[in-house]
Amino acid sequence: MNSPRIVILVVGKKGAGKTTYLEVLIKKMQNQGKKVGGFICINEKSKLKNNYYLFDLNKRKSRLLATRQKISNFTFRYGKYYFNPQILEKGNQILKDSFYSDAIVVDEYGPLEQNHQGFFNGLTFLLNKYPGILIISSRPATIPSLKQLLSIGE
């Protein structure tokens, strides 16, 4: 695959502050006049962290992505969470629609993407065609497969 001009990886364990760091980085880039597309995944601000929301950076809109509760339309289960397949596909579309942004954020590359699910299609589209700055968050466990996808050596 042809990698984008610049790839920035934000790596940390669960709860380490990857999304918070991305929020600061996004704000700094926007303050410099850069158009930042893509999405971040925000967990519910509670101790239980039962819900994850997909936040579209272009439209400034959140959608419930995953929950620990079984709800209609949340038909895809991975681990403790039920995902809404329509919102996963919406995430892929957000990535494709962000093509003309100066930078695109993918929060995060995880086990679903590692198994060619989740946001994998949108990410591979960008890796094949996008010439700009691509910012990807990931946990340490998924870095080997992400490096392989990016064709990055040790």
C-alpha atoms as a PDB file:
ATOM      1  CA  MET A   1       0.000   0.000   0.000  1.00  0.00           C
ATOM      2  CA  ASN A   2       1.076   3.565  -0.565  1.00  0.00           C
ATOM      3  CA  SER A   3       1.236   5.236   2.819  1.00  0.00           C
ATOM      4  CA  PRO A   4      -0.002   8.808   3.229  1.00  0.00           C
ATOM      5  CA  ARG A   5       2.562  11.588   3.300  1.00  0.00           C
ATOM      6  CA  ILE A   6       2.632  11.594   7.123  1.00  0.00           C
ATOM      7  CA  VAL A   7       1.290   8.995   9.561  1.00  0.00           C
ATOM      8  CA  ILE A   8       1.154   9.843  13.272  1.00  0.00           C
ATOM      9  CA  LEU A   9       0.478   7.003  15.700  1.00  0.00           C
ATOM     10  CA  VAL A  10      -0.864   7.767  19.165  1.00  0.00           C
ATOM     11  CA  VAL A  11      -0.284   4.642  21.251  1.00  0.00           C
ATOM     12  CA  GLY A  12      -1.364   3.862  24.790  1.00  0.00           C
ATOM     13  CA  LYS A  13      -3.200   1.414  26.987  1.00  0.00           C
ATOM     14  CA  LYS A  14      -6.926   1.681  27.679  1.00  0.00           C
ATOM     15  CA  GLY A  15      -7.589   4.823  29.689  1.00  0.00           C
ATOM     16  CA  ALA A  16      -4.103   6.263  29.061  1.00  0.00           C
ATOM     17  CA  GLY A  17      -5.481   9.436  27.462  1.00  0.00           C
ATOM     18  CA  LYS A  18      -5.179   8.749  23.720  1.00  0.00           C
ATOM     19  CA  THR A  19      -8.492  10.418  22.884  1.00  0.00           C
ATOM     20  CA  THR A  20      -7.797  13.343  25.217  1.00  0.00           C
ATOM     21  CA  TYR A  21      -4.423  13.840  23.526  1.00  0.00           C
ATOM     22  CA  LEU A  22      -6.133  13.711  20.111  1.00  0.00           C
ATOM     23  CA  GLU A  23      -8.646  16.342  21.210  1.00  0.00           C
ATOM     24  CA  VAL A  24      -5.774  18.702  22.134  1.00  0.00           C
ATOM     25  CA  LEU A  25      -3.961  17.963  18.868  1.00  0.00           C
ATOM     26  CA  ILE A  26      -7.140  18.527  16.820  1.00  0.00           C
ATOM     27  CA  LYS A  27      -7.790  21.867  18.524  1.00  0.00           C
ATOM     28  CA  LYS A  28      -4.193  23.012  17.896  1.00  0.00           C
ATOM     29  CA  MET A  29      -4.410  22.059  14.225  1.00  0.00           C
ATOM     30  CA  GLN A  30      -7.779  23.794  13.834  1.00  0.00           C
ATOM     31  CA  ASN A  31      -6.389  26.917  15.525  1.00  0.00           C
ATOM     32  CA  GLN A  32      -3.670  26.898  12.840  1.00  0.00           C
ATOM     33  CA  GLY A  33      -6.382  26.943  10.164  1.00  0.00           C
ATOM     34  CA  LYS A  34      -6.125  23.249   9.262  1.00  0.00           C
ATOM     35  CA  LYS A  35      -9.223  21.279   8.315  1.00  0.00           C
ATOM     36  CA  VAL A  36      -9.315  18.114  10.433  1.00  0.00           C
ATOM     37  CA  GLY A  37     -11.654  15.288   9.433  1.00  0.00           C
ATOM     38  CA  GLY A  38     -12.358  11.780  10.637  1.00  0.00           C
ATOM     39  CA  PHE A  39     -13.662  10.856  14.065  1.00  0.00           C
ATOM     40  CA  ILE A  40     -12.882  10.225  17.685  1.00  0.00           C
ATOM     41  CA  CYS A  41     -14.593   7.652  19.895  1.00  0.00           C
ATOM     42  CA  ILE A  42     -15.688   9.075  23.199  1.00  0.00           C
ATOM     43  CA  ASN A  43     -16.641   6.960  26.169  1.00  0.00           C
ATOM     44  CA  GLU A  44     -19.552   7.902  28.365  1.00  0.00           C
ATOM     45  CA  LYS A  45     -18.409  10.155  31.173  1.00  0.00           C
ATOM     46  CA  SER A  46     -19.252   7.722  33.951  1.00  0.00           C
ATOM     47  CA  LYS A  47     -17.303   5.261  36.037  1.00  0.00           C
ATOM     48  CA  LEU A  48     -18.946   2.334  34.223  1.00  0.00           C
ATOM     49  CA  LYS A  49     -17.983   3.524  30.720  1.00  0.00           C
ATOM     50  CA  ASN A  50     -20.800   1.458  29.237  1.00  0.00           C
ATOM     51  CA  ASN A  51     -21.239   3.444  26.025  1.00  0.00           C
ATOM     52  CA  TYR A  52     -18.962   4.628  23.246  1.00  0.00           C
ATOM     53  CA  TYR A  53     -19.949   7.423  20.880  1.00  0.00           C
ATOM     54  CA  LEU A  54     -18.586   8.076  17.410  1.00  0.00           C
ATOM     55  CA  PHE A  55     -17.957  11.816  17.105  1.00  0.00           C
ATOM     56  CA  ASP A  56     -17.766  13.094  13.509  1.00  0.00           C
ATOM     57  CA  LEU A  57     -15.162  15.885  13.447  1.00  0.00           C
ATOM     58  CA  ASN A  58     -16.627  17.420  10.269  1.00  0.00           C
ATOM     59  CA  LYS A  59     -20.299  17.539  11.244  1.00  0.00           C
ATOM     60  CA  ARG A  60     -19.628  17.866  15.000  1.00  0.00           C
ATOM     61  CA  LYS A  61     -22.208  15.138  15.631  1.00  0.00           C
ATOM     62  CA  SER A  62     -22.132  12.139  18.007  1.00  0.00           C
ATOM     63  CA  ARG A  63     -23.761   8.778  17.418  1.00  0.00           C
ATOM     64  CA  LEU A  64     -23.975   5.863  19.836  1.00  0.00           C
ATOM     65  CA  LEU A  65     -21.510   3.285  18.496  1.00  0.00           C
ATOM     66  CA  ALA A  66     -21.264   0.596  21.174  1.00  0.00           C
ATOM     67  CA  THR A  67     -22.911  -0.346  24.428  1.00  0.00           C
ATOM     68  CA  ARG A  68     -22.790  -3.173  26.949  1.00  0.00           C
ATOM     69  CA  GLN A  69     -26.584  -3.355  26.860  1.00  0.00           C
ATOM     70  CA  LYS A  70     -28.325  -5.320  24.128  1.00  0.00           C
ATOM     71  CA  ILE A  71     -30.381  -2.788  22.156  1.00  0.00           C
ATOM     72  CA  SER A  72     -32.182  -3.258  18.847  1.00  0.00           C
ATOM     73  CA  ASN A  73     -29.917  -2.376  15.889  1.00  0.00           C
ATOM     74  CA  PHE A  74     -26.847  -3.200  18.016  1.00  0.00           C
ATOM     75  CA  THR A  75     -26.537  -6.648  16.475  1.00  0.00           C
ATOM     76  CA  PHE A  76     -22.770  -7.095  16.195  1.00  0.00           C
ATOM     77  CA  ARG A  77     -21.115  -8.275  19.398  1.00  0.00           C
ATOM     78  CA  TYR A  78     -17.416  -8.111  20.180  1.00  0.00           C
ATOM     79  CA  GLY A  79     -16.263  -8.871  23.710  1.00  0.00           C
ATOM     80  CA  LYS A  80     -18.537  -7.148  26.229  1.00  0.00           C
ATOM     81  CA  TYR A  81     -19.894  -4.664  23.690  1.00  0.00           C
ATOM     82  CA  TYR A  82     -22.730  -4.620  21.192  1.00  0.00           C
ATOM     83  CA  PHE A  83     -22.064  -2.475  18.112  1.00  0.00           C
ATOM     84  CA  ASN A  84     -24.464  -0.869  15.695  1.00  0.00           C
ATOM     85  CA  PRO A  85     -23.293  -2.045  12.228  1.00  0.00           C
ATOM     86  CA  GLN A  86     -24.883   1.036  10.623  1.00  0.00           C
ATOM     87  CA  ILE A  87     -22.733   3.327  12.779  1.00  0.00           C
ATOM     88  CA  LEU A  88     -19.607   1.278  12.010  1.00  0.00           C
ATOM     89  CA  GLU A  89     -20.376   1.800   8.320  1.00  0.00           C
ATOM     90  CA  LYS A  90     -21.034   5.483   8.997  1.00  0.00           C
ATOM     91  CA  GLY A  91     -17.521   5.668  10.471  1.00  0.00           C
ATOM     92  CA  ASN A  92     -16.097   4.225   7.258  1.00  0.00           C
ATOM     93  CA  GLN A  93     -18.055   6.798   5.268  1.00  0.00           C
ATOM     94  CA  ILE A  94     -16.829   9.631   7.515  1.00  0.00           C
ATOM     95  CA  LEU A  95     -13.249   8.607   6.726  1.00  0.00           C
ATOM     96  CA  LYS A  96     -13.922   8.580   2.984  1.00  0.00           C
ATOM     97  CA  ASP A  97     -15.807  11.905   3.142  1.00  0.00           C
ATOM     98  CA  SER A  98     -12.831  13.479   4.968  1.00  0.00           C
ATOM     99  CA  PHE A  99     -10.530  12.929   1.982  1.00  0.00           C
ATOM    100  CA  TYR A 100     -10.044  16.651   1.289  1.00  0.00           C
ATOM    101  CA  SER A 101      -9.097  17.476   4.880  1.00  0.00           C
ATOM    102  CA  ASP A 102      -5.570  18.541   5.800  1.00  0.00           C
ATOM    103  CA  ALA A 103      -5.497  15.791   8.437  1.00  0.00           C
ATOM    104  CA  ILE A 104      -7.719  12.813   9.207  1.00  0.00           C
ATOM    105  CA  VAL A 105      -8.102  11.240  12.665  1.00  0.00           C
ATOM    106  CA  VAL A 106      -8.959   7.559  13.201  1.00  0.00           C
ATOM    107  CA  ASP A 107      -9.659   6.877  16.888  1.00  0.00           C
ATOM    108  CA  GLU A 108      -8.937   3.990  17.182  1.00  0.00           C
ATOM    109  CA  TYR A 109      -7.390   1.062  15.310  1.00  0.00           C
ATOM    110  CA  GLY A 110      -8.377  -1.900  17.474  1.00  0.00           C
ATOM    111  CA  PRO A 111      -9.191  -5.604  17.411  1.00  0.00           C
ATOM    112  CA  LEU A 112     -12.086  -5.132  14.977  1.00  0.00           C
ATOM    113  CA  GLU A 113      -9.847  -3.417  12.435  1.00  0.00           C
ATOM    114  CA  GLN A 114      -7.115  -5.962  13.085  1.00  0.00           C
ATOM    115  CA  ASN A 115      -9.663  -8.588  11.952  1.00  0.00           C
ATOM    116  CA  HIS A 116     -10.674  -6.548   8.868  1.00  0.00           C
ATOM    117  CA  GLN A 117     -13.903  -5.357  10.499  1.00  0.00           C
ATOM    118  CA  GLY A 118     -15.016  -2.089  12.071  1.00  0.00           C
ATOM    119  CA  PHE A 119     -13.343   0.891  10.356  1.00  0.00           C
ATOM    120  CA  PHE A 120     -10.935  -1.253   8.322  1.00  0.00           C
ATOM    121  CA  ASN A 121     -12.481  -0.399   4.925  1.00  0.00           C
ATOM    122  CA  GLY A 122     -12.301   3.349   5.494  1.00  0.00           C
ATOM    123  CA  LEU A 123      -8.756   3.110   6.827  1.00  0.00           C
ATOM    124  CA  THR A 124      -7.499   1.029   3.893  1.00  0.00           C
ATOM    125  CA  PHE A 125      -9.163   3.468   1.475  1.00  0.00           C
ATOM    126  CA  LEU A 126      -7.164   6.286   3.065  1.00  0.00           C
ATOM    127  CA  LEU A 127      -3.939   4.283   3.090  1.00  0.00           C
ATOM    128  CA  ASN A 128      -4.306   3.650  -0.638  1.00  0.00           C
ATOM    129  CA  LYS A 129      -5.351   7.136  -1.752  1.00  0.00           C
ATOM    130  CA  TYR A 130      -5.010   9.877   0.877  1.00  0.00           C
ATOM    131  CA  PRO A 131      -1.896  12.075   0.502  1.00  0.00           C
ATOM    132  CA  GLY A 132      -2.271  14.087   3.720  1.00  0.00           C
ATOM    133  CA  ILE A 133      -1.671  13.669   7.441  1.00  0.00           C
ATOM    134  CA  LEU A 134      -3.247  10.556   8.930  1.00  0.00           C
ATOM    135  CA  ILE A 135      -3.445  10.344  12.739  1.00  0.00           C
ATOM    136  CA  ILE A 136      -4.292   6.913  14.153  1.00  0.00           C
ATOM    137  CA  SER A 137      -4.705   5.913  17.791  1.00  0.00           C
ATOM    138  CA  SER A 138      -4.051   2.346  18.863  1.00  0.00           C
ATOM    139  CA  ARG A 139      -3.350   0.191  21.869  1.00  0.00           C
ATOM    140  CA  PRO A 140       0.038  -1.549  22.124  1.00  0.00           C
ATOM    141  CA  ALA A 141      -1.475  -4.992  21.401  1.00  0.00           C
ATOM    142  CA  THR A 142      -2.648  -3.961  17.914  1.00  0.00           C
ATOM    143  CA  ILE A 143       0.556  -2.178  16.857  1.00  0.00           C
ATOM    144  CA  PRO A 144       2.122  -5.233  15.126  1.00  0.00           C
ATOM    145  CA  SER A 145      -0.837  -5.652  12.759  1.00  0.00           C
ATOM    146  CA  LEU A 146      -1.080  -1.879  12.244  1.00  0.00           C
ATOM    147  CA  LYS A 147       2.621  -1.753  11.330  1.00  0.00           C
ATOM    148  CA  GLN A 148       2.030  -4.555   8.859  1.00  0.00           C
ATOM    149  CA  LEU A 149      -0.925  -2.684   7.361  1.00  0.00           C
ATOM    150  CA  LEU A 150       1.217   0.450   7.104  1.00  0.00           C
ATOM    151  CA  SER A 151       4.162  -1.573   5.760  1.00  0.00           C
ATOM    152  CA  ILE A 152       6.394  -0.229   8.530  1.00  0.00           C
ATOM    153  CA  GLY A 153       9.377  -2.261   9.691  1.00  0.00           C
ATOM    154  CA  GLU A 154      10.568  -2.685  13.235  1.00  0.00           C
END
